[in-house]
Amino acid sequence: MPRGDGTGPGGTGQRGSGQGRGAGGGGGGGAGGRMGRRAGRAAGQCVCPKCGKAVPHQRGVPCMQMTCPDCGFTMVRDVVYENRGR
């Protein structure tokens, strides 16, 4: 394809629409994103599994690096705390 114009050698043939085949178009709703709806979220809570104290999660700071302000135990993310018995 000379100059990448899609006409093929010598300028003959049909030009394509440029849409090609992809992995599917848009779509709406659903979990969204590669990792689901929780991807990149910063909102939520860090919870102490010992005393139950909850503090707001800080973006960029894993809950496991935080200690409970009440008892000093290592905090966990709220979703981990909610799913602890499964």
PDB file of N, CA and C in Angstrom:
ATOM      1  N   MET A   1       0.831  -1.175   0.000  1.00  0.00           N
ATOM      2  CA  MET A   1       0.000   0.000   0.000  1.00  0.00           C
ATOM      3  C   MET A   1       0.875   1.238   0.000  1.00  0.00           C
ATOM      4  N   PRO A   2       0.930   1.904  -1.085  1.00  0.00           N
ATOM      5  CA  PRO A   2       1.746   3.111  -1.129  1.00  0.00           C
ATOM      6  C   PRO A   2       1.143   4.220  -0.253  1.00  0.00           C
ATOM      7  N   ARG A   3       2.003   4.863   0.474  1.00  0.00           N
ATOM      8  CA  ARG A   3       1.626   5.996   1.320  1.00  0.00           C
ATOM      9  C   ARG A   3       0.520   5.672   2.311  1.00  0.00           C
ATOM     10  N   GLY A   4       0.184   4.398   2.519  1.00  0.00           N
ATOM     11  CA  GLY A   4      -0.808   4.024   3.511  1.00  0.00           C
ATOM     12  C   GLY A   4      -2.206   4.546   3.234  1.00  0.00           C
ATOM     13  N   ASP A   5      -2.546   4.773   1.922  1.00  0.00           N
ATOM     14  CA  ASP A   5      -3.870   5.318   1.644  1.00  0.00           C
ATOM     15  C   ASP A   5      -4.933   4.241   1.438  1.00  0.00           C
ATOM     16  N   GLY A   6      -4.570   2.965   1.528  1.00  0.00           N
ATOM     17  CA  GLY A   6      -5.530   1.889   1.462  1.00  0.00           C
ATOM     18  C   GLY A   6      -5.968   1.490   0.074  1.00  0.00           C
ATOM     19  N   THR A   7      -5.322   2.021  -0.964  1.00  0.00           N
ATOM     20  CA  THR A   7      -5.761   1.693  -2.318  1.00  0.00           C
ATOM     21  C   THR A   7      -5.037   0.500  -2.911  1.00  0.00           C
ATOM     22  N   GLY A   8      -3.987   0.035  -2.318  1.00  0.00           N
ATOM     23  CA  GLY A   8      -3.253  -1.101  -2.846  1.00  0.00           C
ATOM     24  C   GLY A   8      -2.248  -0.677  -3.902  1.00  0.00           C
ATOM     25  N   PRO A   9      -1.557  -1.664  -4.517  1.00  0.00           N
ATOM     26  CA  PRO A   9      -0.532  -1.336  -5.509  1.00  0.00           C
ATOM     27  C   PRO A   9      -1.117  -0.651  -6.732  1.00  0.00           C
ATOM     28  N   GLY A  10      -0.454   0.366  -7.186  1.00  0.00           N
ATOM     29  CA  GLY A  10      -0.841   1.033  -8.417  1.00  0.00           C
ATOM     30  C   GLY A  10      -2.120   1.846  -8.300  1.00  0.00           C
ATOM     31  N   GLY A  11      -2.673   1.977  -7.167  1.00  0.00           N
ATOM     32  CA  GLY A  11      -3.844   2.819  -7.003  1.00  0.00           C
ATOM     33  C   GLY A  11      -5.136   2.175  -7.463  1.00  0.00           C
ATOM     34  N   THR A  12      -5.175   0.852  -7.605  1.00  0.00           N
ATOM     35  CA  THR A  12      -6.398   0.209  -8.038  1.00  0.00           C
ATOM     36  C   THR A  12      -7.099  -0.435  -6.857  1.00  0.00           C
ATOM     37  N   GLY A  13      -8.318  -0.782  -7.024  1.00  0.00           N
ATOM     38  CA  GLY A  13      -9.059  -1.462  -5.967  1.00  0.00           C
ATOM     39  C   GLY A  13      -9.897  -0.502  -5.146  1.00  0.00           C
ATOM     40  N   GLN A  14     -10.655  -1.081  -4.279  1.00  0.00           N
ATOM     41  CA  GLN A  14     -11.551  -0.265  -3.474  1.00  0.00           C
ATOM     42  C   GLN A  14     -10.849   0.208  -2.213  1.00  0.00           C
ATOM     43  N   ARG A  15     -11.284   1.304  -1.769  1.00  0.00           N
ATOM     44  CA  ARG A  15     -10.777   1.809  -0.499  1.00  0.00           C
ATOM     45  C   ARG A  15     -11.654   1.274   0.623  1.00  0.00           C
ATOM     46  N   GLY A  16     -11.039   0.906   1.709  1.00  0.00           N
ATOM     47  CA  GLY A  16     -11.786   0.381   2.846  1.00  0.00           C
ATOM     48  C   GLY A  16     -12.409   1.495   3.666  1.00  0.00           C
ATOM     49  N   SER A  17     -13.279   1.108   4.529  1.00  0.00           N
ATOM     50  CA  SER A  17     -13.954   2.096   5.370  1.00  0.00           C
ATOM     51  C   SER A  17     -13.119   2.457   6.594  1.00  0.00           C
ATOM     52  N   GLY A  18     -12.076   1.679   6.848  1.00  0.00           N
ATOM     53  CA  GLY A  18     -11.198   1.984   7.964  1.00  0.00           C
ATOM     54  C   GLY A  18     -11.728   1.489   9.305  1.00  0.00           C
ATOM     55  N   GLN A  19     -12.766   0.670   9.308  1.00  0.00           N
ATOM     56  CA  GLN A  19     -13.330   0.237  10.567  1.00  0.00           C
ATOM     57  C   GLN A  19     -12.747  -1.075  11.035  1.00  0.00           C
ATOM     58  N   GLY A  20     -12.459  -1.970  10.137  1.00  0.00           N
ATOM     59  CA  GLY A  20     -11.809  -3.222  10.502  1.00  0.00           C
ATOM     60  C   GLY A  20     -12.587  -4.031  11.515  1.00  0.00           C
ATOM     61  N   ARG A  21     -11.944  -5.073  12.014  1.00  0.00           N
ATOM     62  CA  ARG A  21     -12.573  -5.903  13.039  1.00  0.00           C
ATOM     63  C   ARG A  21     -11.918  -5.612  14.375  1.00  0.00           C
ATOM     64  N   GLY A  22     -12.719  -5.474  15.357  1.00  0.00           N
ATOM     65  CA  GLY A  22     -12.157  -5.194  16.674  1.00  0.00           C
ATOM     66  C   GLY A  22     -12.650  -6.215  17.670  1.00  0.00           C
ATOM     67  N   ALA A  23     -12.492  -5.914  18.892  1.00  0.00           N
ATOM     68  CA  ALA A  23     -12.917  -6.809  19.956  1.00  0.00           C
ATOM     69  C   ALA A  23     -14.356  -6.531  20.353  1.00  0.00           C
ATOM     70  N   GLY A  24     -15.073  -5.804  19.532  1.00  0.00           N
ATOM     71  CA  GLY A  24     -16.459  -5.482  19.838  1.00  0.00           C
ATOM     72  C   GLY A  24     -16.575  -4.007  20.155  1.00  0.00           C
ATOM     73  N   GLY A  25     -17.750  -3.506  19.975  1.00  0.00           N
ATOM     74  CA  GLY A  25     -17.947  -2.086  20.195  1.00  0.00           C
ATOM     75  C   GLY A  25     -18.484  -1.820  21.579  1.00  0.00           C
ATOM     76  N   GLY A  26     -18.250  -0.661  22.037  1.00  0.00           N
ATOM     77  CA  GLY A  26     -18.729  -0.102  23.287  1.00  0.00           C
ATOM     78  C   GLY A  26     -19.551  -0.975  24.200  1.00  0.00           C
ATOM     79  N   GLY A  27     -20.829  -0.849  24.096  1.00  0.00           N
ATOM     80  CA  GLY A  27     -21.692  -1.524  25.063  1.00  0.00           C
ATOM     81  C   GLY A  27     -21.894  -0.598  26.249  1.00  0.00           C
ATOM     82  N   GLY A  28     -22.871  -0.880  27.024  1.00  0.00           N
ATOM     83  CA  GLY A  28     -23.118   0.026  28.140  1.00  0.00           C
ATOM     84  C   GLY A  28     -23.316  -0.741  29.423  1.00  0.00           C
ATOM     85  N   GLY A  29     -23.301  -0.033  30.489  1.00  0.00           N
ATOM     86  CA  GLY A  29     -23.561  -0.609  31.798  1.00  0.00           C
ATOM     87  C   GLY A  29     -22.572  -1.689  32.180  1.00  0.00           C
ATOM     88  N   GLY A  30     -22.988  -2.595  33.021  1.00  0.00           N
ATOM     89  CA  GLY A  30     -22.136  -3.712  33.433  1.00  0.00           C
ATOM     90  C   GLY A  30     -21.020  -3.266  34.351  1.00  0.00           C
ATOM     91  N   ALA A  31     -20.115  -4.197  34.580  1.00  0.00           N
ATOM     92  CA  ALA A  31     -19.020  -3.936  35.506  1.00  0.00           C
ATOM     93  C   ALA A  31     -18.055  -2.907  34.940  1.00  0.00           C
ATOM     94  N   GLY A  32     -17.792  -2.968  33.643  1.00  0.00           N
ATOM     95  CA  GLY A  32     -16.925  -1.993  33.005  1.00  0.00           C
ATOM     96  C   GLY A  32     -15.465  -2.195  33.349  1.00  0.00           C
ATOM     97  N   GLY A  33     -14.606  -1.916  32.392  1.00  0.00           N
ATOM     98  CA  GLY A  33     -13.175  -1.987  32.642  1.00  0.00           C
ATOM     99  C   GLY A  33     -12.642  -3.410  32.728  1.00  0.00           C
ATOM    100  N   ARG A  34     -11.341  -3.526  32.676  1.00  0.00           N
ATOM    101  CA  ARG A  34     -10.692  -4.827  32.681  1.00  0.00           C
ATOM    102  C   ARG A  34     -10.800  -5.506  34.032  1.00  0.00           C
ATOM    103  N   MET A  35     -10.789  -4.747  35.095  1.00  0.00           N
ATOM    104  CA  MET A  35     -10.765  -5.322  36.433  1.00  0.00           C
ATOM    105  C   MET A  35     -12.123  -5.244  37.134  1.00  0.00           C
ATOM    106  N   GLY A  36     -13.168  -4.847  36.408  1.00  0.00           N
ATOM    107  CA  GLY A  36     -14.475  -4.745  37.031  1.00  0.00           C
ATOM    108  C   GLY A  36     -14.704  -3.370  37.629  1.00  0.00           C
ATOM    109  N   ARG A  37     -15.802  -3.225  38.308  1.00  0.00           N
ATOM    110  CA  ARG A  37     -16.186  -1.905  38.780  1.00  0.00           C
ATOM    111  C   ARG A  37     -15.348  -1.410  39.939  1.00  0.00           C
ATOM    112  N   ARG A  38     -14.596  -2.263  40.581  1.00  0.00           N
ATOM    113  CA  ARG A  38     -13.785  -1.820  41.709  1.00  0.00           C
ATOM    114  C   ARG A  38     -12.412  -1.308  41.278  1.00  0.00           C
ATOM    115  N   ALA A  39     -12.099  -1.394  40.003  1.00  0.00           N
ATOM    116  CA  ALA A  39     -10.770  -0.996  39.540  1.00  0.00           C
ATOM    117  C   ALA A  39     -10.525   0.489  39.769  1.00  0.00           C
ATOM    118  N   GLY A  40      -9.402   0.809  40.331  1.00  0.00           N
ATOM    119  CA  GLY A  40      -8.989   2.183  40.500  1.00  0.00           C
ATOM    120  C   GLY A  40      -9.776   2.953  41.528  1.00  0.00           C
ATOM    121  N   ARG A  41     -10.562   2.292  42.283  1.00  0.00           N
ATOM    122  CA  ARG A  41     -11.377   3.031  43.240  1.00  0.00           C
ATOM    123  C   ARG A  41     -10.546   3.430  44.451  1.00  0.00           C
ATOM    124  N   ALA A  42     -10.827   4.573  44.969  1.00  0.00           N
ATOM    125  CA  ALA A  42     -10.136   5.020  46.172  1.00  0.00           C
ATOM    126  C   ALA A  42     -11.113   5.128  47.327  1.00  0.00           C
ATOM    127  N   ALA A  43     -12.394   5.244  47.008  1.00  0.00           N
ATOM    128  CA  ALA A  43     -13.396   5.359  48.067  1.00  0.00           C
ATOM    129  C   ALA A  43     -13.478   4.046  48.821  1.00  0.00           C
ATOM    130  N   GLY A  44     -14.023   4.093  49.974  1.00  0.00           N
ATOM    131  CA  GLY A  44     -14.163   2.900  50.782  1.00  0.00           C
ATOM    132  C   GLY A  44     -13.560   3.108  52.148  1.00  0.00           C
ATOM    133  N   GLN A  45     -13.453   2.040  52.876  1.00  0.00           N
ATOM    134  CA  GLN A  45     -13.004   2.106  54.261  1.00  0.00           C
ATOM    135  C   GLN A  45     -11.864   1.125  54.517  1.00  0.00           C
ATOM    136  N   CYS A  46     -11.041   1.460  55.461  1.00  0.00           N
ATOM    137  CA  CYS A  46     -10.087   0.522  56.041  1.00  0.00           C
ATOM    138  C   CYS A  46     -10.679   0.149  57.401  1.00  0.00           C
ATOM    139  N   VAL A  47     -10.747  -1.149  57.678  1.00  0.00           N
ATOM    140  CA  VAL A  47     -11.421  -1.631  58.874  1.00  0.00           C
ATOM    141  C   VAL A  47     -10.439  -2.423  59.729  1.00  0.00           C
ATOM    142  N   CYS A  48     -10.540  -2.251  61.033  1.00  0.00           N
ATOM    143  CA  CYS A  48      -9.736  -3.030  61.964  1.00  0.00           C
ATOM    144  C   CYS A  48     -10.445  -4.349  62.237  1.00  0.00           C
ATOM    145  N   PRO A  49      -9.811  -5.488  61.921  1.00  0.00           N
ATOM    146  CA  PRO A  49     -10.459  -6.774  62.167  1.00  0.00           C
ATOM    147  C   PRO A  49     -10.546  -7.129  63.652  1.00  0.00           C
ATOM    148  N   LYS A  50      -9.816  -6.413  64.485  1.00  0.00           N
ATOM    149  CA  LYS A  50      -9.824  -6.704  65.928  1.00  0.00           C
ATOM    150  C   LYS A  50     -10.966  -5.979  66.649  1.00  0.00           C
ATOM    151  N   CYS A  51     -11.053  -4.665  66.449  1.00  0.00           N
ATOM    152  CA  CYS A  51     -12.063  -3.894  67.181  1.00  0.00           C
ATOM    153  C   CYS A  51     -13.198  -3.367  66.314  1.00  0.00           C
ATOM    154  N   GLY A  52     -13.045  -3.436  64.967  1.00  0.00           N
ATOM    155  CA  GLY A  52     -14.118  -3.006  64.071  1.00  0.00           C
ATOM    156  C   GLY A  52     -14.104  -1.535  63.696  1.00  0.00           C
ATOM    157  N   LYS A  53     -13.121  -0.783  64.169  1.00  0.00           N
ATOM    158  CA  LYS A  53     -13.001   0.642  63.834  1.00  0.00           C
ATOM    159  C   LYS A  53     -12.810   0.803  62.332  1.00  0.00           C
ATOM    160  N   ALA A  54     -13.548   1.732  61.712  1.00  0.00           N
ATOM    161  CA  ALA A  54     -13.428   1.994  60.278  1.00  0.00           C
ATOM    162  C   ALA A  54     -12.956   3.424  60.065  1.00  0.00           C
ATOM    163  N   VAL A  55     -12.000   3.591  59.141  1.00  0.00           N
ATOM    164  CA  VAL A  55     -11.507   4.916  58.770  1.00  0.00           C
ATOM    165  C   VAL A  55     -11.536   5.003  57.246  1.00  0.00           C
ATOM    166  N   PRO A  56     -11.685   6.207  56.691  1.00  0.00           N
ATOM    167  CA  PRO A  56     -11.709   6.346  55.226  1.00  0.00           C
ATOM    168  C   PRO A  56     -10.396   5.880  54.603  1.00  0.00           C
ATOM    169  N   HIS A  57     -10.508   5.171  53.476  1.00  0.00           N
ATOM    170  CA  HIS A  57      -9.320   4.719  52.745  1.00  0.00           C
ATOM    171  C   HIS A  57      -8.653   5.912  52.081  1.00  0.00           C
ATOM    172  N   GLN A  58      -7.331   5.968  52.138  1.00  0.00           N
ATOM    173  CA  GLN A  58      -6.565   7.031  51.506  1.00  0.00           C
ATOM    174  C   GLN A  58      -5.973   6.500  50.216  1.00  0.00           C
ATOM    175  N   ARG A  59      -6.203   7.177  49.113  1.00  0.00           N
ATOM    176  CA  ARG A  59      -5.689   6.752  47.818  1.00  0.00           C
ATOM    177  C   ARG A  59      -4.164   6.655  47.865  1.00  0.00           C
ATOM    178  N   GLY A  60      -3.646   5.524  47.374  1.00  0.00           N
ATOM    179  CA  GLY A  60      -2.206   5.306  47.317  1.00  0.00           C
ATOM    180  C   GLY A  60      -1.608   4.726  48.587  1.00  0.00           C
ATOM    181  N   VAL A  61      -2.419   4.544  49.615  1.00  0.00           N
ATOM    182  CA  VAL A  61      -1.933   3.970  50.870  1.00  0.00           C
ATOM    183  C   VAL A  61      -2.708   2.686  51.136  1.00  0.00           C
ATOM    184  N   PRO A  62      -2.082   1.525  50.979  1.00  0.00           N
ATOM    185  CA  PRO A  62      -2.784   0.271  51.260  1.00  0.00           C
ATOM    186  C   PRO A  62      -3.217   0.209  52.725  1.00  0.00           C
ATOM    187  N   CYS A  63      -4.405  -0.332  52.950  1.00  0.00           N
ATOM    188  CA  CYS A  63      -4.920  -0.449  54.318  1.00  0.00           C
ATOM    189  C   CYS A  63      -3.970  -1.264  55.195  1.00  0.00           C
ATOM    190  N   MET A  64      -3.297  -2.247  54.604  1.00  0.00           N
ATOM    191  CA  MET A  64      -2.379  -3.095  55.370  1.00  0.00           C
ATOM    192  C   MET A  64      -1.187  -2.310  55.919  1.00  0.00           C
ATOM    193  N   GLN A  65      -0.950  -1.106  55.419  1.00  0.00           N
ATOM    194  CA  GLN A  65       0.134  -0.271  55.929  1.00  0.00           C
ATOM    195  C   GLN A  65      -0.353   0.691  57.012  1.00  0.00           C
ATOM    196  N   MET A  66      -1.651   0.645  57.300  1.00  0.00           N
ATOM    197  CA  MET A  66      -2.215   1.526  58.315  1.00  0.00           C
ATOM    198  C   MET A  66      -2.457   0.741  59.605  1.00  0.00           C
ATOM    199  N   THR A  67      -2.374   1.426  60.726  1.00  0.00           N
ATOM    200  CA  THR A  67      -2.689   0.799  62.005  1.00  0.00           C
ATOM    201  C   THR A  67      -3.944   1.446  62.572  1.00  0.00           C
ATOM    202  N   CYS A  68      -4.691   0.682  63.313  1.00  0.00           N
ATOM    203  CA  CYS A  68      -5.937   1.149  63.914  1.00  0.00           C
ATOM    204  C   CYS A  68      -5.632   2.275  64.897  1.00  0.00           C
ATOM    205  N   PRO A  69      -6.350   3.391  64.813  1.00  0.00           N
ATOM    206  CA  PRO A  69      -6.112   4.494  65.753  1.00  0.00           C
ATOM    207  C   PRO A  69      -6.548   4.157  67.180  1.00  0.00           C
ATOM    208  N   ASP A  70      -7.404   3.146  67.328  1.00  0.00           N
ATOM    209  CA  ASP A  70      -7.884   2.788  68.666  1.00  0.00           C
ATOM    210  C   ASP A  70      -7.018   1.722  69.348  1.00  0.00           C
ATOM    211  N   CYS A  71      -6.694   0.638  68.606  1.00  0.00           N
ATOM    212  CA  CYS A  71      -5.994  -0.475  69.264  1.00  0.00           C
ATOM    213  C   CYS A  71      -4.617  -0.793  68.667  1.00  0.00           C
ATOM    214  N   GLY A  72      -4.245  -0.159  67.546  1.00  0.00           N
ATOM    215  CA  GLY A  72      -2.926  -0.364  66.962  1.00  0.00           C
ATOM    216  C   GLY A  72      -2.792  -1.590  66.082  1.00  0.00           C
ATOM    217  N   PHE A  73      -3.882  -2.336  65.832  1.00  0.00           N
ATOM    218  CA  PHE A  73      -3.859  -3.530  64.999  1.00  0.00           C
ATOM    219  C   PHE A  73      -3.795  -3.124  63.528  1.00  0.00           C
ATOM    220  N   THR A  74      -3.282  -3.980  62.653  1.00  0.00           N
ATOM    221  CA  THR A  74      -3.185  -3.696  61.224  1.00  0.00           C
ATOM    222  C   THR A  74      -4.579  -3.683  60.592  1.00  0.00           C
ATOM    223  N   MET A  75      -4.847  -2.636  59.812  1.00  0.00           N
ATOM    224  CA  MET A  75      -6.147  -2.472  59.155  1.00  0.00           C
ATOM    225  C   MET A  75      -6.227  -3.332  57.897  1.00  0.00           C
ATOM    226  N   VAL A  76      -7.444  -3.620  57.447  1.00  0.00           N
ATOM    227  CA  VAL A  76      -7.691  -4.323  56.185  1.00  0.00           C
ATOM    228  C   VAL A  76      -8.741  -3.549  55.404  1.00  0.00           C
ATOM    229  N   ARG A  77      -8.804  -3.808  54.099  1.00  0.00           N
ATOM    230  CA  ARG A  77      -9.787  -3.144  53.242  1.00  0.00           C
ATOM    231  C   ARG A  77     -11.181  -3.643  53.594  1.00  0.00           C
ATOM    232  N   ASP A  78     -12.196  -2.791  53.448  1.00  0.00           N
ATOM    233  CA  ASP A  78     -13.559  -3.151  53.827  1.00  0.00           C
ATOM    234  C   ASP A  78     -14.073  -4.389  53.098  1.00  0.00           C
ATOM    235  N   VAL A  79     -13.713  -4.560  51.820  1.00  0.00           N
ATOM    236  CA  VAL A  79     -14.197  -5.734  51.088  1.00  0.00           C
ATOM    237  C   VAL A  79     -13.564  -7.022  51.623  1.00  0.00           C
ATOM    238  N   VAL A  80     -12.339  -6.941  52.102  1.00  0.00           N
ATOM    239  CA  VAL A  80     -11.690  -8.105  52.707  1.00  0.00           C
ATOM    240  C   VAL A  80     -12.386  -8.437  54.022  1.00  0.00           C
ATOM    241  N   TYR A  81     -12.697  -7.413  54.790  1.00  0.00           N
ATOM    242  CA  TYR A  81     -13.356  -7.597  56.083  1.00  0.00           C
ATOM    243  C   TYR A  81     -14.753  -8.188  55.898  1.00  0.00           C
ATOM    244  N   GLU A  82     -15.499  -7.704  54.882  1.00  0.00           N
ATOM    245  CA  GLU A  82     -16.849  -8.198  54.613  1.00  0.00           C
ATOM    246  C   GLU A  82     -16.846  -9.640  54.163  1.00  0.00           C
ATOM    247  N   ASN A  83     -15.811 -10.071  53.440  1.00  0.00           N
ATOM    248  CA  ASN A  83     -15.762 -11.430  52.880  1.00  0.00           C
ATOM    249  C   ASN A  83     -14.942 -12.387  53.737  1.00  0.00           C
ATOM    250  N   ARG A  84     -14.672 -12.069  54.967  1.00  0.00           N
ATOM    251  CA  ARG A  84     -13.768 -12.861  55.802  1.00  0.00           C
ATOM    252  C   ARG A  84     -14.288 -14.261  56.126  1.00  0.00           C
ATOM    253  N   GLY A  85     -15.588 -14.482  56.124  1.00  0.00           N
ATOM    254  CA  GLY A  85     -16.122 -15.785  56.508  1.00  0.00           C
ATOM    255  C   GLY A  85     -16.413 -16.712  55.333  1.00  0.00           C
ATOM    256  N   ARG A  86     -16.086 -16.315  54.121  1.00  0.00           N
ATOM    257  CA  ARG A  86     -16.443 -17.103  52.947  1.00  0.00           C
ATOM    258  C   ARG A  86     -15.390 -18.091  52.559  1.00  0.00           C
TER     259      ARG A  86
END
